[in-house]
Amino acid sequence: MARARPFESYSVTTGLALVLLLVWLVVSVLASGAGKSVPTYLESQGAAGRILIFLFGPLIHQGVDLLLGNLLFLLAIGPFVESRVGWRQYLLFIALAGYALTVLAYLLGMATVGISGVTHALTGREAGARLGDLSGAIGTSPVETLVVALVFIYQISQLPAGGSIVAHAGGLVLGFLIAVGVATDYLEQNWLEERIQW
């Protein structure tokens, strides 16, 4: 079976982008009605709000600028990863990266929301895959590789201080390590897929 080329079929990436927009709109309307920022509004809801932040933290954004930046990265890099690994492993990777980084930030006492960790993990994974395959077996165009390299370099140059450093740097490192082989054997050989009935 031929591998789909990026941007020919990326329904999961498009769907995720639409979900992010919808969640942001709903939560923003609720927060603005209360006159608070999204995380402040959710935290003011007590235990239920904190549970929502933990469960949906990767889908919640503090502002439209952060949302749009993450959507740009998602739409620039997501189709490459989705076409490489298929939609099941793509969704699994997104979920694992999102929650692993959310838990890590929580354990370090840093509250964080947003899908930055996931978009950075996708970039790290794609950059690592391309670096690990300099022979060209992936069969991508130089333009695709240039897009990935530019996004990777930009994300490294923009690493923030504070709580979101866990999501940003952690995402790049997690994705890169998975791509170059720390956990690739399990993900690429369908180890999880064999154990989970889709």
Protein backbone atom coordinates (compact mmCIF):
# COMPACT_ATOMS: atom_id res chain seq x y z
CA MET A 1 0.00 0.00 0.00
CA ALA A 2 1.44 3.36 -1.02
CA ARG A 3 2.03 5.92 1.68
CA ALA A 4 -0.18 9.01 1.36
CA ARG A 5 1.76 12.16 0.59
CA PRO A 6 1.44 15.00 3.09
CA PHE A 7 -1.42 17.39 2.35
CA GLU A 8 -3.22 14.84 0.14
CA SER A 9 -5.10 13.32 3.05
CA TYR A 10 -4.73 14.71 6.54
CA SER A 11 -8.15 14.39 8.01
CA VAL A 12 -6.96 13.85 11.58
CA THR A 13 -4.80 16.99 11.50
CA THR A 14 -7.70 19.01 10.07
CA GLY A 15 -10.12 17.52 12.59
CA LEU A 16 -7.80 18.31 15.48
CA ALA A 17 -7.44 21.90 14.28
CA LEU A 18 -11.24 22.25 14.17
CA VAL A 19 -11.59 20.74 17.67
CA LEU A 20 -9.01 23.21 18.99
CA LEU A 21 -10.95 26.11 17.49
CA LEU A 22 -14.26 24.85 18.87
CA VAL A 23 -12.92 24.24 22.39
CA TRP A 24 -11.24 27.65 22.41
CA LEU A 25 -14.47 29.37 21.33
CA VAL A 26 -16.61 27.63 23.96
CA VAL A 27 -14.19 28.13 26.84
CA SER A 28 -13.42 31.72 25.80
CA VAL A 29 -17.11 32.64 25.76
CA LEU A 30 -17.54 31.15 29.25
CA ALA A 31 -14.42 32.88 30.59
CA SER A 32 -15.19 36.26 29.02
CA GLY A 33 -18.68 36.14 30.51
CA ALA A 34 -17.02 35.80 33.90
CA GLY A 35 -14.43 38.50 33.05
CA LYS A 36 -11.47 36.15 33.51
CA SER A 37 -8.77 34.49 31.46
CA VAL A 38 -9.45 30.90 30.46
CA PRO A 39 -7.12 29.20 33.00
CA THR A 40 -8.19 31.61 35.77
CA TYR A 41 -11.84 30.92 34.99
CA LEU A 42 -11.34 27.16 35.09
CA GLU A 43 -9.31 27.29 38.30
CA SER A 44 -12.05 29.40 39.91
CA GLN A 45 -14.42 26.47 39.35
CA GLY A 46 -12.68 24.51 42.11
CA ALA A 47 -11.91 20.82 41.80
CA ALA A 48 -14.08 20.44 38.71
CA GLY A 49 -12.14 23.20 36.93
CA ARG A 50 -8.80 21.65 37.86
CA ILE A 51 -9.98 18.29 36.55
CA LEU A 52 -11.04 19.98 33.30
CA ILE A 53 -7.60 21.61 33.00
CA PHE A 54 -5.93 18.23 33.53
CA LEU A 55 -8.21 16.36 31.11
CA PHE A 56 -8.46 19.02 28.43
CA GLY A 57 -5.34 21.09 29.11
CA PRO A 58 -3.79 20.32 25.72
CA LEU A 59 -6.95 21.66 24.04
CA ILE A 60 -7.25 24.86 26.10
CA HIS A 61 -5.41 28.07 25.20
CA GLN A 62 -4.95 31.33 27.05
CA GLY A 63 -5.38 33.55 24.03
CA VAL A 64 -6.06 33.64 20.34
CA ASP A 65 -2.39 34.39 19.54
CA LEU A 66 -1.24 31.17 21.22
CA LEU A 67 -4.02 29.22 19.55
CA LEU A 68 -3.18 30.56 16.08
CA GLY A 69 0.54 29.87 16.54
CA ASN A 70 -0.15 26.30 17.56
CA LEU A 71 -2.59 25.82 14.70
CA LEU A 72 0.08 27.04 12.28
CA PHE A 73 2.62 24.54 13.64
CA LEU A 74 0.04 21.76 13.67
CA LEU A 75 -0.98 22.36 10.07
CA ALA A 76 2.65 22.77 8.92
CA ILE A 77 4.05 19.62 10.57
CA GLY A 78 1.08 17.39 11.41
CA PRO A 79 0.42 16.14 7.88
CA PHE A 80 4.01 14.90 7.55
CA VAL A 81 3.78 12.80 10.70
CA GLU A 82 0.22 11.66 9.95
CA SER A 83 1.17 10.46 6.47
CA ARG A 84 4.26 8.68 7.82
CA VAL A 85 2.70 6.70 10.68
CA GLY A 86 -1.02 6.55 9.81
CA TRP A 87 -3.92 8.06 11.69
CA ARG A 88 -4.03 5.56 14.58
CA GLN A 89 -0.42 5.97 15.63
CA TYR A 90 -0.68 9.70 14.97
CA LEU A 91 -3.60 10.06 17.40
CA LEU A 92 -1.86 7.81 19.91
CA PHE A 93 1.31 9.89 19.69
CA ILE A 94 -0.65 13.14 20.12
CA ALA A 95 -2.50 11.79 23.17
CA LEU A 96 0.61 10.34 24.80
CA ALA A 97 2.71 13.45 24.16
CA GLY A 98 -0.04 15.79 25.36
CA TYR A 99 -0.70 13.98 28.60
CA ALA A 100 2.92 13.02 29.32
CA LEU A 101 3.92 16.67 29.12
CA THR A 102 0.85 17.80 31.11
CA VAL A 103 1.69 15.32 33.89
CA LEU A 104 5.37 16.33 33.83
CA ALA A 105 4.45 20.02 34.17
CA TYR A 106 2.03 19.18 36.99
CA LEU A 107 4.67 17.13 38.85
CA LEU A 108 7.12 20.02 38.53
CA GLY A 109 4.49 22.39 39.95
CA MET A 110 4.02 24.27 36.71
CA ALA A 111 0.47 24.72 35.52
CA THR A 112 0.34 24.71 31.76
CA VAL A 113 -2.38 24.63 29.14
CA GLY A 114 -2.29 24.45 25.38
CA ILE A 115 -1.19 22.12 22.65
CA SER A 116 2.31 23.61 22.39
CA GLY A 117 3.85 20.46 23.81
CA VAL A 118 2.15 18.35 21.16
CA THR A 119 3.07 20.63 18.26
CA HIS A 120 6.67 20.76 19.48
CA ALA A 121 6.70 16.96 19.89
CA LEU A 122 5.41 16.58 16.32
CA THR A 123 8.18 18.87 15.08
CA GLY A 124 10.82 17.01 17.09
CA ARG A 125 9.54 13.68 15.80
CA GLU A 126 9.55 14.77 12.16
CA ALA A 127 12.97 16.47 12.42
CA GLY A 128 14.41 13.38 14.09
CA ALA A 129 12.92 11.07 11.47
CA ARG A 130 14.39 13.13 8.64
CA LEU A 131 17.76 13.44 10.36
CA GLY A 132 17.81 9.70 10.98
CA ASP A 133 17.09 9.06 7.30
CA LEU A 134 19.62 11.20 5.50
CA SER A 135 19.86 8.51 2.81
CA GLY A 136 16.51 9.68 1.47
CA ALA A 137 14.53 6.48 2.03
CA ILE A 138 11.62 8.53 3.37
CA GLY A 139 11.21 9.91 -0.11
CA THR A 140 10.37 13.49 0.73
CA SER A 141 11.07 16.57 -1.27
CA PRO A 142 13.73 19.09 -0.26
CA VAL A 143 10.95 21.67 0.23
CA GLU A 144 9.23 19.46 2.82
CA THR A 145 12.52 18.96 4.65
CA LEU A 146 13.16 22.71 4.53
CA VAL A 147 9.73 23.40 6.08
CA VAL A 148 10.45 20.95 8.91
CA ALA A 149 13.96 22.37 9.47
CA LEU A 150 12.70 25.97 9.58
CA VAL A 151 9.91 25.15 12.04
CA PHE A 152 12.35 23.16 14.21
CA ILE A 153 14.91 25.98 14.26
CA TYR A 154 12.21 28.58 14.96
CA GLN A 155 10.77 26.57 17.84
CA ILE A 156 14.21 26.11 19.40
CA SER A 157 14.96 29.83 19.05
CA GLN A 158 11.69 30.74 20.76
CA LEU A 159 11.94 28.51 23.83
CA PRO A 160 10.29 30.44 26.68
CA ALA A 161 11.13 30.67 30.33
CA GLY A 162 8.73 29.54 33.02
CA GLY A 163 6.08 26.82 32.97
CA SER A 164 5.72 26.48 29.25
CA ILE A 165 9.39 25.50 28.90
CA VAL A 166 8.30 22.02 29.99
CA ALA A 167 5.83 21.80 27.12
CA HIS A 168 8.04 23.40 24.49
CA ALA A 169 11.47 21.92 25.24
CA GLY A 170 9.96 18.71 26.59
CA GLY A 171 7.90 18.29 23.42
CA LEU A 172 10.88 18.81 21.11
CA VAL A 173 13.01 16.36 23.10
CA LEU A 174 10.24 13.75 23.43
CA GLY A 175 9.41 13.83 19.73
CA PHE A 176 13.05 13.78 18.69
CA LEU A 177 13.91 10.84 20.96
CA ILE A 178 10.95 8.84 19.71
CA ALA A 179 11.97 9.51 16.13
CA VAL A 180 15.60 8.51 16.53
CA GLY A 181 14.85 5.26 18.25
CA VAL A 182 14.33 5.46 22.00
CA ALA A 183 10.72 4.31 21.65
CA THR A 184 10.39 3.93 17.89
CA ASP A 185 10.67 0.16 17.96
CA TYR A 186 7.39 -0.07 19.83
CA LEU A 187 5.53 2.61 17.92
CA GLU A 188 6.78 1.80 14.43
CA GLN A 189 6.33 -1.97 14.76
CA ASN A 190 2.70 -1.60 15.80
CA TRP A 191 3.42 -2.93 19.29
CA LEU A 192 0.63 -0.85 20.79
CA GLU A 193 -1.69 -1.33 17.86
CA GLU A 194 -1.52 -5.10 18.28
CA ARG A 195 -2.66 -4.72 21.89
CA ILE A 196 -5.39 -2.15 21.29
CA GLN A 197 -8.34 -3.12 19.15
CA TRP A 198 -9.34 -0.13 17.02
